[in-house]
């Protein structure tokens, strides 16, 4: 039968191809599958063949999954994947974004905060009210304080500031940001 022995360490056959040279790809008669095992197969070691059958099978299976997804959901699988990737990349969270934008509209930058993103509430609302309005599920932090987590992973919690005579501060920490945005109550005016 003229069996050919293959050495996987060197990636070559030990013996010449019994068919001989038929085209430019078979010039090296010790090579396997025209030196391209991803595109060709050579089951008997005599002639490389395109790997079309596996490709056709994969195409048909993928097409069947896509059609089934489209029938069940009304949109193609590629549409679902594209939407999921878009949401991950753009971190869409209109509920938290809208809340933060609203708070920024009701506050002003603190002149004494330096480089920090500290803002002072100017509409008379309290930090506790703002925390209650934060769109997220309430939980408990490791120190026992209340914390809320938004749908995009943004967290909000209230604490007393150690630097500014214990003024309450609402920290809103985005998962993509190193420093939180801080909202403080204004100083109480003494008469």
Protein backbone atom coordinates (compact mmCIF):
# COMPACT_ATOMS: atom_id res chain seq x y z
CA UNK A 1 0.00 0.00 0.00
CA UNK A 2 2.99 2.31 0.11
CA UNK A 3 2.28 3.75 3.58
CA UNK A 4 4.01 7.00 4.44
CA UNK A 5 5.25 7.69 7.95
CA UNK A 6 4.79 11.20 9.40
CA UNK A 7 6.97 12.75 12.11
CA UNK A 8 4.93 15.38 14.02
CA UNK A 9 8.06 16.86 15.65
CA UNK A 10 9.61 17.99 12.40
CA UNK A 11 6.26 18.28 10.59
CA UNK A 12 7.37 16.17 7.62
CA UNK A 13 6.91 12.71 6.13
CA UNK A 14 9.87 10.33 6.23
CA UNK A 15 9.36 9.13 2.67
CA UNK A 16 8.73 10.77 -0.68
CA UNK A 17 5.19 11.20 -1.95
CA UNK A 18 4.53 8.20 -4.23
CA UNK A 19 2.33 10.33 -6.51
CA UNK A 20 5.25 12.61 -7.34
CA UNK A 21 5.15 16.26 -8.31
CA UNK A 22 1.81 17.24 -9.89
CA UNK A 23 1.78 21.01 -9.31
CA UNK A 24 3.78 23.77 -7.62
CA UNK A 25 2.37 22.88 -4.18
CA UNK A 26 3.70 19.33 -4.34
CA UNK A 27 7.25 20.39 -5.21
CA UNK A 28 8.31 19.61 -1.64
CA UNK A 29 7.28 15.98 -1.58
CA UNK A 30 7.91 15.69 2.18
CA UNK A 31 5.33 18.38 3.08
CA UNK A 32 1.90 17.64 4.56
CA UNK A 33 -1.24 19.21 3.02
CA UNK A 34 0.69 21.78 0.99
CA UNK A 35 2.14 23.15 4.26
CA UNK A 36 -1.33 24.51 5.10
CA UNK A 37 -3.21 22.04 7.34
CA UNK A 38 -5.91 24.63 8.13
CA UNK A 39 -7.01 24.84 4.50
CA UNK A 40 -6.14 21.35 3.24
CA UNK A 41 -6.30 17.78 4.49
CA UNK A 42 -4.29 14.79 3.33
CA UNK A 43 -5.79 11.69 4.93
CA UNK A 44 -3.80 9.09 2.99
CA UNK A 45 -0.66 11.16 2.44
CA UNK A 46 -0.95 11.14 -1.32
CA UNK A 47 -2.88 14.27 -2.34
CA UNK A 48 -4.03 17.36 -0.47
CA UNK A 49 -7.73 18.17 -0.56
CA UNK A 50 -9.55 21.36 0.41
CA UNK A 51 -11.33 21.21 3.76
CA UNK A 52 -14.69 22.22 2.33
CA UNK A 53 -16.92 19.69 4.03
CA UNK A 54 -16.21 20.97 7.54
CA UNK A 55 -16.61 24.55 6.36
CA UNK A 56 -19.93 23.76 4.73
CA UNK A 57 -21.12 21.98 7.87
CA UNK A 58 -20.14 24.95 10.06
CA UNK A 59 -21.85 27.36 7.69
CA UNK A 60 -25.05 25.32 7.70
CA UNK A 61 -25.07 24.98 11.51
CA UNK A 62 -24.47 28.72 11.97
CA UNK A 63 -27.16 29.57 9.46
CA UNK A 64 -29.63 27.26 11.24
CA UNK A 65 -28.89 28.91 14.60
CA UNK A 66 -29.31 32.36 13.05
CA UNK A 67 -32.66 31.43 11.45
CA UNK A 68 -33.93 29.89 14.71
CA UNK A 69 -32.91 33.01 16.65
CA UNK A 70 -34.65 35.21 14.11
CA UNK A 71 -37.85 33.16 14.29
CA UNK A 72 -37.93 33.22 18.10
CA UNK A 73 -36.86 36.82 18.76
CA UNK A 74 -37.53 38.61 15.49
CA UNK A 75 -33.91 39.72 15.14
CA UNK A 76 -30.85 37.91 13.83
CA UNK A 77 -28.16 36.52 16.09
CA UNK A 78 -25.66 39.03 14.70
CA UNK A 79 -28.02 41.87 15.71
CA UNK A 80 -28.18 40.54 19.27
CA UNK A 81 -24.40 40.19 19.43
CA UNK A 82 -23.85 43.68 17.98
CA UNK A 83 -26.26 45.21 20.51
CA UNK A 84 -24.58 43.41 23.42
CA UNK A 85 -21.13 44.56 22.31
CA UNK A 86 -22.38 48.13 21.82
CA UNK A 87 -23.85 48.16 25.33
CA UNK A 88 -20.58 46.85 26.79
CA UNK A 89 -18.41 49.32 24.90
CA UNK A 90 -20.58 52.36 25.51
CA UNK A 91 -21.71 51.33 29.01
CA UNK A 92 -25.24 52.58 28.33
CA UNK A 93 -27.13 53.37 31.54
CA UNK A 94 -29.53 56.21 30.98
CA UNK A 95 -31.08 55.89 34.44
CA UNK A 96 -27.79 56.55 36.27
CA UNK A 97 -26.58 59.05 33.66
CA UNK A 98 -29.83 60.99 33.93
CA UNK A 99 -29.58 60.98 37.74
CA UNK A 100 -26.00 62.29 37.74
CA UNK A 101 -26.81 64.94 35.12
CA UNK A 102 -29.80 66.05 37.21
CA UNK A 103 -27.64 66.33 40.34
CA UNK A 104 -24.99 68.28 38.43
CA UNK A 105 -27.73 70.67 37.30
CA UNK A 106 -28.76 71.18 40.92
CA UNK A 107 -25.23 71.77 42.20
CA UNK A 108 -22.09 73.78 41.60
CA UNK A 109 -18.39 73.02 41.78
CA UNK A 110 -16.88 73.45 45.21
CA UNK A 111 -14.21 76.16 45.05
CA UNK A 112 -12.24 74.60 47.94
CA UNK A 113 -12.14 71.08 46.53
CA UNK A 114 -8.94 71.43 44.50
CA UNK A 115 -8.59 68.63 41.94
CA UNK A 116 -11.42 66.50 43.36
CA UNK A 117 -14.78 66.34 41.70
CA UNK A 118 -16.71 67.77 44.66
CA UNK A 119 -19.96 69.61 44.03
CA UNK A 120 -22.24 71.40 46.48
CA UNK A 121 -26.01 70.95 46.22
CA UNK A 122 -27.66 74.35 45.65
CA UNK A 123 -31.37 73.57 45.49
CA UNK A 124 -31.89 72.96 49.20
CA UNK A 125 -32.17 69.18 48.89
CA UNK A 126 -30.25 66.93 51.24
CA UNK A 127 -27.66 64.31 50.43
CA UNK A 128 -29.95 61.70 52.01
CA UNK A 129 -32.77 62.68 49.61
CA UNK A 130 -30.39 62.39 46.65
CA UNK A 131 -29.25 58.96 47.86
CA UNK A 132 -32.87 57.80 48.16
CA UNK A 133 -33.51 58.94 44.56
CA UNK A 134 -30.46 57.07 43.17
CA UNK A 135 -31.71 54.41 40.68
CA UNK A 136 -30.31 51.17 42.02
CA UNK A 137 -30.69 48.35 44.46
CA UNK A 138 -29.84 49.00 48.08
CA UNK A 139 -27.31 46.91 49.95
CA UNK A 140 -24.85 47.21 52.80
CA UNK A 141 -21.17 48.14 52.63
CA UNK A 142 -18.48 46.36 54.68
CA UNK A 143 -18.62 49.15 57.29
CA UNK A 144 -22.37 48.69 57.74
CA UNK A 145 -23.38 51.82 55.82
CA UNK A 146 -26.04 51.76 53.10
CA UNK A 147 -24.91 51.51 49.48
CA UNK A 148 -26.88 51.43 46.23
CA UNK A 149 -25.70 49.82 42.99
CA UNK A 150 -27.03 50.91 39.59
CA UNK A 151 -27.64 48.63 36.61
CA UNK A 152 -24.25 49.52 35.11
CA UNK A 153 -22.26 48.87 38.32
CA UNK A 154 -22.19 52.51 39.46
CA UNK A 155 -22.33 52.70 43.27
CA UNK A 156 -23.61 55.43 45.56
CA UNK A 157 -23.16 55.80 49.31
CA UNK A 158 -23.38 58.54 51.93
CA UNK A 159 -20.73 59.24 54.53
CA UNK A 160 -19.72 62.06 56.84
CA UNK A 161 -16.74 64.02 55.55
CA UNK A 162 -13.78 63.99 57.91
CA UNK A 163 -12.23 67.12 56.40
CA UNK A 164 -15.21 69.47 56.35
CA UNK A 165 -16.59 69.30 59.90
CA UNK A 166 -18.68 66.23 59.21
CA UNK A 167 -20.74 67.46 56.26
CA UNK A 168 -22.58 64.60 54.61
CA UNK A 169 -21.21 63.58 51.23
CA UNK A 170 -22.80 61.44 48.53
CA UNK A 171 -20.12 59.50 46.62
CA UNK A 172 -21.06 58.23 43.16
CA UNK A 173 -18.40 55.84 41.83
CA UNK A 174 -18.47 54.75 38.18
CA UNK A 175 -16.93 51.38 37.34
CA UNK A 176 -14.82 53.08 34.64
CA UNK A 177 -13.57 55.97 36.80
CA UNK A 178 -10.84 56.02 39.44
CA UNK A 179 -12.31 58.82 41.57
CA UNK A 180 -15.93 59.23 42.62
CA UNK A 181 -18.08 62.27 41.95
CA UNK A 182 -18.93 63.80 45.33
CA UNK A 183 -21.99 65.85 46.21
CA UNK A 184 -22.12 67.73 49.54
CA UNK A 185 -24.75 69.67 51.35
CA UNK A 186 -24.10 73.40 51.62
CA UNK A 187 -22.84 74.86 54.85
CA UNK A 188 -25.62 75.88 57.17
CA UNK A 189 -25.73 79.66 57.48
CA UNK A 190 -25.68 80.87 61.06
CA UNK A 191 -27.75 83.94 61.90
